Each structure stands twice: as structure tokens, then as C-alpha cells.
């Protein structure tokens, strides 16, 4: 894959990670018939595992594979900090507080696991470029 396509794919995965993190944060208080549904926790784990692996596969770069996890963590932590206006997205009372903590904890663990898998994987050898005509005509072990 060309460098431009790899960069575009990496940028797309990072934007997708930011969007998914925002959606997950705002889904945290989701209730169905008054019952808290922690769909954000599942989405955080699955999203972090899949997006890190996708970034590694599409870009073939270890650095680019770490970016979706970093973006997710940035959005999640930013949602837990009170803004100057007093707004706070991740609150900490009762069952919702437990869901918020599970979201942060399991999301970070999934991101760390996915990044660790990518960083621990053996590096693929870089494919040699096209050889010159002189290299093709050279006889191995010869004096030329």
C-alpha cells in the first residue's frame, strides 16, 4: 500500500476512535425502562481492541497503532474533568458511577492489551525494493 493510502487509513482510524469515544461517553447513562444498560463498557473494550489492530494492519506502523488508544484515553479523561462552566459528563453516584469506573478501567485495560499485542508482535521484514540490472546479473559467490 502506498504511503498516502496508509496515512489516510491511519487518519480515518484515529477519527473513528475519537468519534467512538465520544459516543461511548454520552451512552454511559443509557437506561432502558429505567434499568442502566452499560453498552458503553462493551463498546469501549471492543472498540479499543479492534481499532488498535485495524490501525496496525492498515498502516503497518506501530506508532500509528498506538494513536487510537491515545485518542480514546484523551476523550475519556477529558469527559471526567469538570469544565470551567461546571459541566461534568462522567459523574460518580450509585450504579452510574460504577458503570463509569468500569468504562474507564476496562477501556484502558483493553487499549493497553491491544497496544501490547501490537508492540510485542514480531516485526515484518521490509520487502526489498526493485533490484538493479547489475545486481541481477551478478553471480553469487563470484568475483564480480
N, C-alpha and C. Protein backbone atom coordinates (compact mmCIF):
# COMPACT_ATOMS: atom_id res chain seq x y z
N UNK A 1 0.85 -1.17 0.00
CA UNK A 1 0.00 0.00 0.00
C UNK A 1 0.90 1.23 0.00
N UNK A 2 0.51 2.22 -0.74
CA UNK A 2 1.29 3.44 -0.81
C UNK A 2 1.23 4.22 0.48
N UNK A 3 2.23 5.09 0.66
CA UNK A 3 2.34 5.88 1.87
C UNK A 3 1.12 6.77 2.06
N UNK A 4 0.63 7.38 1.00
CA UNK A 4 -0.54 8.26 1.10
C UNK A 4 -1.78 7.50 1.56
N UNK A 5 -1.97 6.30 1.05
CA UNK A 5 -3.11 5.50 1.47
C UNK A 5 -2.97 5.05 2.92
N UNK A 6 -1.75 4.73 3.32
CA UNK A 6 -1.53 4.32 4.71
C UNK A 6 -1.79 5.49 5.66
N UNK A 7 -1.35 6.69 5.27
CA UNK A 7 -1.61 7.87 6.10
C UNK A 7 -3.11 8.16 6.19
N UNK A 8 -3.80 8.05 5.06
CA UNK A 8 -5.25 8.29 5.05
C UNK A 8 -5.97 7.25 5.90
N UNK A 9 -5.54 6.01 5.82
CA UNK A 9 -6.16 4.95 6.63
C UNK A 9 -5.92 5.19 8.11
N UNK A 10 -4.70 5.60 8.47
CA UNK A 10 -4.39 5.90 9.86
C UNK A 10 -5.21 7.06 10.38
N UNK A 11 -5.35 8.11 9.58
CA UNK A 11 -6.16 9.26 9.97
C UNK A 11 -7.62 8.87 10.14
N UNK A 12 -8.12 8.04 9.24
CA UNK A 12 -9.50 7.58 9.33
C UNK A 12 -9.74 6.77 10.60
N UNK A 13 -8.81 5.91 10.97
CA UNK A 13 -8.95 5.10 12.18
C UNK A 13 -8.90 6.00 13.42
N UNK A 14 -8.04 7.02 13.42
CA UNK A 14 -7.95 7.93 14.56
C UNK A 14 -9.24 8.75 14.70
N UNK A 15 -9.78 9.22 13.60
CA UNK A 15 -11.05 9.96 13.64
C UNK A 15 -12.17 9.05 14.11
N UNK A 16 -12.18 7.82 13.65
CA UNK A 16 -13.18 6.85 14.09
C UNK A 16 -13.06 6.57 15.59
N UNK A 17 -11.82 6.50 16.09
CA UNK A 17 -11.61 6.28 17.53
C UNK A 17 -12.14 7.46 18.34
N UNK A 18 -11.90 8.68 17.87
CA UNK A 18 -12.40 9.86 18.58
C UNK A 18 -13.93 9.88 18.58
N UNK A 19 -14.53 9.59 17.43
CA UNK A 19 -15.99 9.57 17.34
C UNK A 19 -16.58 8.49 18.24
N UNK A 20 -15.99 7.31 18.21
CA UNK A 20 -16.49 6.21 19.04
C UNK A 20 -16.36 6.53 20.53
N UNK A 21 -15.26 7.16 20.92
CA UNK A 21 -15.08 7.53 22.32
C UNK A 21 -16.14 8.55 22.76
N UNK A 22 -16.44 9.51 21.91
CA UNK A 22 -17.48 10.49 22.24
C UNK A 22 -18.84 9.82 22.38
N UNK A 23 -19.16 8.94 21.45
CA UNK A 23 -20.44 8.23 21.51
C UNK A 23 -20.51 7.38 22.77
N UNK A 24 -19.43 6.69 23.10
CA UNK A 24 -19.40 5.86 24.30
C UNK A 24 -19.61 6.68 25.56
N UNK A 25 -18.97 7.83 25.63
CA UNK A 25 -19.10 8.69 26.81
C UNK A 25 -20.54 9.15 26.99
N UNK A 26 -21.19 9.52 25.91
CA UNK A 26 -22.56 10.00 26.03
C UNK A 26 -23.58 8.88 26.13
N UNK A 27 -23.19 7.64 25.84
CA UNK A 27 -24.07 6.49 26.05
C UNK A 27 -23.99 5.95 27.47
N UNK A 28 -23.04 6.41 28.25
CA UNK A 28 -22.87 5.87 29.60
C UNK A 28 -24.13 5.91 30.45
N UNK A 29 -24.90 7.00 30.47
CA UNK A 29 -26.11 6.99 31.31
C UNK A 29 -27.33 6.34 30.64
N UNK A 30 -27.14 5.58 29.57
CA UNK A 30 -28.24 4.97 28.83
C UNK A 30 -29.04 4.03 29.73
N UNK A 31 -30.34 4.25 29.74
CA UNK A 31 -31.25 3.39 30.51
C UNK A 31 -32.38 2.91 29.60
N UNK A 32 -32.77 1.67 29.79
CA UNK A 32 -33.90 1.09 29.07
C UNK A 32 -34.91 0.66 30.12
N UNK A 33 -36.09 1.25 30.10
CA UNK A 33 -37.14 1.01 31.09
C UNK A 33 -36.62 1.22 32.51
N UNK A 34 -35.79 2.24 32.67
CA UNK A 34 -35.27 2.59 33.98
C UNK A 34 -34.09 1.76 34.46
N UNK A 35 -33.64 0.83 33.64
CA UNK A 35 -32.52 -0.03 34.01
C UNK A 35 -31.27 0.44 33.26
N UNK A 36 -30.19 0.65 33.99
CA UNK A 36 -28.93 1.08 33.39
C UNK A 36 -28.38 -0.02 32.48
N UNK A 37 -28.06 0.35 31.24
CA UNK A 37 -27.53 -0.60 30.26
C UNK A 37 -26.10 -0.17 29.94
N UNK A 38 -25.11 -0.91 30.41
CA UNK A 38 -23.71 -0.50 30.22
C UNK A 38 -23.15 -0.86 28.84
N UNK A 39 -23.83 -0.43 27.80
CA UNK A 39 -23.39 -0.75 26.45
C UNK A 39 -22.06 -0.04 26.13
N UNK A 40 -21.79 1.08 26.79
CA UNK A 40 -20.54 1.80 26.56
C UNK A 40 -19.33 1.00 27.01
N UNK A 41 -19.48 0.23 28.05
CA UNK A 41 -18.35 -0.57 28.55
C UNK A 41 -17.97 -1.61 27.49
N UNK A 42 -18.96 -2.28 26.95
CA UNK A 42 -18.72 -3.29 25.91
C UNK A 42 -18.14 -2.62 24.67
N UNK A 43 -18.69 -1.47 24.29
CA UNK A 43 -18.21 -0.75 23.11
C UNK A 43 -16.78 -0.27 23.31
N UNK A 44 -16.43 0.15 24.51
CA UNK A 44 -15.07 0.61 24.78
C UNK A 44 -14.07 -0.53 24.64
N UNK A 45 -14.39 -1.67 25.20
CA UNK A 45 -13.49 -2.82 25.11
C UNK A 45 -13.36 -3.28 23.66
N UNK A 46 -14.48 -3.49 23.00
CA UNK A 46 -14.44 -3.97 21.61
C UNK A 46 -13.80 -2.94 20.69
N UNK A 47 -14.16 -1.68 20.87
CA UNK A 47 -13.61 -0.63 20.01
C UNK A 47 -12.11 -0.49 20.16
N UNK A 48 -11.62 -0.51 21.39
CA UNK A 48 -10.17 -0.37 21.58
C UNK A 48 -9.41 -1.57 21.03
N UNK A 49 -9.94 -2.77 21.24
CA UNK A 49 -9.27 -3.95 20.71
C UNK A 49 -9.25 -3.94 19.18
N UNK A 50 -10.36 -3.59 18.58
CA UNK A 50 -10.46 -3.64 17.12
C UNK A 50 -9.75 -2.48 16.43
N UNK A 51 -9.88 -1.26 16.98
CA UNK A 51 -9.30 -0.11 16.29
C UNK A 51 -7.77 -0.10 16.35
N UNK A 52 -7.20 -0.55 17.44
CA UNK A 52 -5.74 -0.63 17.51
C UNK A 52 -5.23 -1.66 16.50
N UNK A 53 -5.88 -2.82 16.45
CA UNK A 53 -5.48 -3.85 15.49
C UNK A 53 -5.69 -3.38 14.05
N UNK A 54 -6.78 -2.67 13.81
CA UNK A 54 -7.05 -2.16 12.47
C UNK A 54 -6.01 -1.13 12.05
N UNK A 55 -5.66 -0.24 12.96
CA UNK A 55 -4.64 0.76 12.64
C UNK A 55 -3.30 0.09 12.35
N UNK A 56 -2.94 -0.92 13.12
CA UNK A 56 -1.68 -1.63 12.87
C UNK A 56 -1.70 -2.33 11.52
N UNK A 57 -2.83 -2.91 11.20
CA UNK A 57 -2.91 -3.66 9.94
C UNK A 57 -2.92 -2.74 8.72
N UNK A 58 -3.66 -1.64 8.80
CA UNK A 58 -3.78 -0.75 7.65
C UNK A 58 -2.54 0.10 7.42
N UNK A 59 -1.90 0.55 8.49
CA UNK A 59 -0.76 1.45 8.34
C UNK A 59 0.58 0.74 8.38
N UNK A 60 0.61 -0.48 8.93
CA UNK A 60 1.85 -1.23 9.11
C UNK A 60 2.86 -0.44 9.95
N UNK A 61 2.33 0.34 10.89
CA UNK A 61 3.18 1.16 11.75
C UNK A 61 2.78 0.94 13.21
N UNK A 62 3.76 0.73 14.05
CA UNK A 62 3.48 0.54 15.47
C UNK A 62 3.05 1.85 16.11
N UNK A 63 3.63 2.95 15.67
CA UNK A 63 3.26 4.25 16.22
C UNK A 63 1.81 4.58 15.88
N UNK A 64 1.42 4.34 14.66
CA UNK A 64 0.04 4.61 14.25
C UNK A 64 -0.94 3.70 14.97
N UNK A 65 -0.51 2.52 15.36
CA UNK A 65 -1.40 1.60 16.08
C UNK A 65 -1.69 2.08 17.49
N UNK A 66 -0.79 2.86 18.07
CA UNK A 66 -0.98 3.37 19.42
C UNK A 66 -1.95 4.57 19.43
N UNK A 67 -2.05 5.27 18.33
CA UNK A 67 -2.85 6.51 18.28
C UNK A 67 -4.33 6.33 18.63
N UNK A 68 -5.05 5.30 18.14
CA UNK A 68 -6.45 5.17 18.54
C UNK A 68 -6.63 5.01 20.04
N UNK A 69 -5.75 4.28 20.68
CA UNK A 69 -5.84 4.11 22.14
C UNK A 69 -5.58 5.44 22.84
N UNK A 70 -4.62 6.19 22.36
CA UNK A 70 -4.32 7.50 22.94
C UNK A 70 -5.46 8.49 22.78
N UNK A 71 -6.09 8.47 21.62
CA UNK A 71 -7.23 9.35 21.37
C UNK A 71 -8.39 8.96 22.26
N UNK A 72 -8.66 7.66 22.39
CA UNK A 72 -9.75 7.21 23.26
C UNK A 72 -9.50 7.65 24.70
N UNK A 73 -8.29 7.46 25.17
CA UNK A 73 -7.95 7.84 26.54
C UNK A 73 -8.09 9.35 26.75
N UNK A 74 -7.68 10.13 25.78
CA UNK A 74 -7.80 11.59 25.88
C UNK A 74 -9.26 12.01 25.99
N UNK A 75 -10.11 11.45 25.16
CA UNK A 75 -11.53 11.81 25.20
C UNK A 75 -12.17 11.35 26.51
N UNK A 76 -11.84 10.14 26.95
CA UNK A 76 -12.43 9.61 28.18
C UNK A 76 -12.00 10.41 29.41
N UNK A 77 -10.73 10.77 29.47
CA UNK A 77 -10.25 11.55 30.61
C UNK A 77 -10.81 12.97 30.56
N UNK A 78 -10.89 13.55 29.37
CA UNK A 78 -11.46 14.90 29.24
C UNK A 78 -12.92 14.93 29.69
N UNK A 79 -13.64 13.83 29.49
CA UNK A 79 -15.04 13.79 29.91
C UNK A 79 -15.17 13.68 31.42
N UNK A 80 -14.11 13.26 32.09
CA UNK A 80 -14.19 13.10 33.55
C UNK A 80 -13.68 14.33 34.31
N UNK A 81 -13.27 15.36 33.58
CA UNK A 81 -12.77 16.58 34.21
C UNK A 81 -13.85 17.66 34.11
N UNK A 82 -14.10 18.33 35.21
CA UNK A 82 -15.11 19.39 35.23
C UNK A 82 -14.63 20.57 34.40
N UNK A 83 -15.51 21.07 33.55
CA UNK A 83 -15.20 22.23 32.71
C UNK A 83 -15.37 23.52 33.50
N UNK A 84 -14.85 24.64 33.02
CA UNK A 84 -14.99 25.91 33.74
C UNK A 84 -16.46 26.31 33.96
N UNK A 85 -17.33 25.87 33.07
CA UNK A 85 -18.76 26.18 33.21
C UNK A 85 -19.43 25.31 34.27
N UNK A 86 -18.72 24.29 34.75
CA UNK A 86 -19.27 23.40 35.75
C UNK A 86 -19.81 22.10 35.18
N UNK A 87 -19.71 21.92 33.86
CA UNK A 87 -20.21 20.70 33.22
C UNK A 87 -19.30 19.52 33.53
N UNK A 88 -19.93 18.40 33.79
CA UNK A 88 -19.19 17.16 34.04
C UNK A 88 -19.96 16.03 33.38
N UNK A 89 -19.32 15.32 32.47
CA UNK A 89 -20.00 14.26 31.73
C UNK A 89 -19.99 12.96 32.52
N UNK A 90 -18.84 12.56 33.04
CA UNK A 90 -18.74 11.34 33.82
C UNK A 90 -18.94 11.67 35.29
N UNK A 91 -20.09 11.32 35.80
CA UNK A 91 -20.39 11.58 37.21
C UNK A 91 -20.14 10.32 38.02
N UNK A 92 -20.23 10.40 39.34
CA UNK A 92 -19.84 9.25 40.13
C UNK A 92 -20.78 8.86 41.24
N UNK A 93 -22.07 8.68 40.98
CA UNK A 93 -23.02 8.28 42.02
C UNK A 93 -23.66 6.94 41.68
N UNK A 94 -23.75 6.06 42.64
CA UNK A 94 -24.51 4.82 42.53
C UNK A 94 -24.07 3.92 41.39
N UNK A 95 -25.06 3.33 40.73
CA UNK A 95 -24.81 2.38 39.65
C UNK A 95 -24.15 3.06 38.46
N UNK A 96 -24.52 4.31 38.20
CA UNK A 96 -23.90 5.04 37.09
C UNK A 96 -22.42 5.29 37.37
N UNK A 97 -22.09 5.57 38.61
CA UNK A 97 -20.69 5.74 38.98
C UNK A 97 -19.90 4.47 38.77
N UNK A 98 -20.49 3.33 39.10
CA UNK A 98 -19.83 2.04 38.86
C UNK A 98 -19.66 1.77 37.36
N UNK A 99 -20.67 2.12 36.59
CA UNK A 99 -20.57 1.95 35.13
C UNK A 99 -19.48 2.86 34.57
N UNK A 100 -19.38 4.08 35.08
CA UNK A 100 -18.34 4.99 34.63
C UNK A 100 -16.95 4.45 34.97
N UNK A 101 -16.79 3.94 36.18
CA UNK A 101 -15.50 3.37 36.56
C UNK A 101 -15.17 2.13 35.73
N UNK A 102 -16.16 1.30 35.48
CA UNK A 102 -15.94 0.12 34.65
C UNK A 102 -15.56 0.53 33.23
N UNK A 103 -16.21 1.57 32.73
CA UNK A 103 -15.90 2.10 31.39
C UNK A 103 -14.44 2.53 31.31
N UNK A 104 -14.00 3.32 32.28
CA UNK A 104 -12.62 3.79 32.28
C UNK A 104 -11.63 2.65 32.49
N UNK A 105 -11.88 1.81 33.46
CA UNK A 105 -10.95 0.73 33.78
C UNK A 105 -10.84 -0.29 32.65
N UNK A 106 -11.97 -0.81 32.21
CA UNK A 106 -11.94 -1.85 31.18
C UNK A 106 -11.51 -1.29 29.82
N UNK A 107 -11.87 -0.03 29.55
CA UNK A 107 -11.42 0.59 28.31
C UNK A 107 -9.91 0.76 28.26
N UNK A 108 -9.33 1.20 29.38
CA UNK A 108 -7.87 1.36 29.44
C UNK A 108 -7.18 0.00 29.38
N UNK A 109 -7.72 -0.99 30.08
CA UNK A 109 -7.11 -2.32 30.05
C UNK A 109 -7.17 -2.91 28.64
N UNK A 110 -8.29 -2.75 27.97
CA UNK A 110 -8.40 -3.25 26.59
C UNK A 110 -7.43 -2.53 25.66
N UNK A 111 -7.32 -1.21 25.82
CA UNK A 111 -6.38 -0.45 24.99
C UNK A 111 -4.95 -0.88 25.26
N UNK A 112 -4.59 -1.05 26.52
CA UNK A 112 -3.23 -1.48 26.86
C UNK A 112 -2.94 -2.88 26.33
N UNK A 113 -3.93 -3.76 26.43
CA UNK A 113 -3.76 -5.12 25.91
C UNK A 113 -3.55 -5.10 24.40
N UNK A 114 -4.37 -4.31 23.69
CA UNK A 114 -4.27 -4.25 22.23
C UNK A 114 -2.93 -3.64 21.80
N UNK A 115 -2.52 -2.58 22.48
CA UNK A 115 -1.23 -1.96 22.14
C UNK A 115 -0.09 -2.91 22.45
N UNK A 116 -0.17 -3.61 23.57
CA UNK A 116 0.85 -4.59 23.92
C UNK A 116 0.96 -5.70 22.90
N UNK A 117 -0.18 -6.15 22.40
CA UNK A 117 -0.16 -7.20 21.36
C UNK A 117 0.53 -6.71 20.10
N UNK A 118 0.26 -5.46 19.73
CA UNK A 118 0.88 -4.91 18.52
C UNK A 118 2.38 -4.71 18.72
N UNK A 119 2.75 -4.17 19.87
CA UNK A 119 4.17 -3.89 20.11
C UNK A 119 4.98 -5.16 20.33
N UNK A 120 4.36 -6.21 20.83
CA UNK A 120 5.07 -7.46 21.08
C UNK A 120 5.15 -8.35 19.85
N UNK A 121 4.38 -8.06 18.84
CA UNK A 121 4.39 -8.88 17.63
C UNK A 121 5.73 -8.73 16.93
N UNK A 122 6.22 -9.80 16.33
CA UNK A 122 7.50 -9.69 15.60
C UNK A 122 7.35 -8.74 14.42
N UNK A 123 8.40 -8.01 14.18
CA UNK A 123 8.38 -7.06 13.06
C UNK A 123 8.44 -7.83 11.75
N UNK A 124 7.71 -7.33 10.79
CA UNK A 124 7.77 -7.92 9.46
C UNK A 124 8.99 -7.35 8.75
N UNK A 125 9.72 -8.18 8.03
CA UNK A 125 10.87 -7.63 7.29
C UNK A 125 10.38 -6.71 6.18
N UNK A 126 11.15 -5.68 5.96
CA UNK A 126 10.81 -4.74 4.89
C UNK A 126 11.16 -5.41 3.58
N UNK A 127 10.21 -5.41 2.67
CA UNK A 127 10.42 -6.04 1.37
C UNK A 127 11.47 -5.23 0.60
N UNK A 128 12.42 -5.93 -0.01
CA UNK A 128 13.44 -5.19 -0.77
C UNK A 128 12.81 -4.52 -1.98
N UNK A 129 13.37 -3.40 -2.32
CA UNK A 129 12.88 -2.68 -3.50
C UNK A 129 13.32 -3.38 -4.77
N UNK A 130 12.94 -2.83 -5.89
CA UNK A 130 13.35 -3.46 -7.16
C UNK A 130 14.87 -3.42 -7.29
N UNK A 131 15.43 -4.53 -7.69
CA UNK A 131 16.88 -4.62 -7.81
C UNK A 131 17.31 -4.04 -9.14
N UNK A 132 18.53 -3.58 -9.16
CA UNK A 132 19.06 -3.03 -10.41
C UNK A 132 19.47 -4.15 -11.35
N UNK A 133 19.69 -3.80 -12.59
CA UNK A 133 20.09 -4.78 -13.60
C UNK A 133 21.45 -5.37 -13.22
N UNK A 134 22.34 -4.54 -12.70
CA UNK A 134 23.68 -5.03 -12.32
C UNK A 134 23.58 -6.06 -11.20
N UNK A 135 22.67 -5.86 -10.25
CA UNK A 135 22.50 -6.83 -9.17
C UNK A 135 21.96 -8.16 -9.68
N UNK A 136 21.08 -8.09 -10.66
CA UNK A 136 20.50 -9.32 -11.19
C UNK A 136 21.51 -10.12 -11.99
N UNK A 137 22.45 -9.43 -12.63
CA UNK A 137 23.43 -10.11 -13.47
C UNK A 137 24.60 -10.63 -12.66
N UNK A 138 24.79 -10.13 -11.43
CA UNK A 138 25.88 -10.56 -10.59
C UNK A 138 25.66 -12.00 -10.14
N UNK A 139 26.69 -12.79 -10.20
CA UNK A 139 26.60 -14.19 -9.81
C UNK A 139 27.01 -14.28 -8.35
N UNK A 140 26.16 -14.92 -7.50
CA UNK A 140 26.54 -15.05 -6.09
C UNK A 140 27.82 -15.85 -5.93
N UNK A 141 28.72 -15.37 -5.07
CA UNK A 141 29.96 -16.06 -4.81
C UNK A 141 31.03 -15.79 -5.87
N UNK A 142 30.68 -15.03 -6.86
CA UNK A 142 31.66 -14.72 -7.93
C UNK A 142 32.57 -13.58 -7.53
N UNK A 143 33.49 -13.24 -8.36
CA UNK A 143 34.46 -12.19 -8.06
C UNK A 143 34.02 -10.86 -8.65
N UNK A 144 32.82 -10.71 -9.08
CA UNK A 144 32.44 -9.51 -9.79
C UNK A 144 31.69 -8.59 -9.03
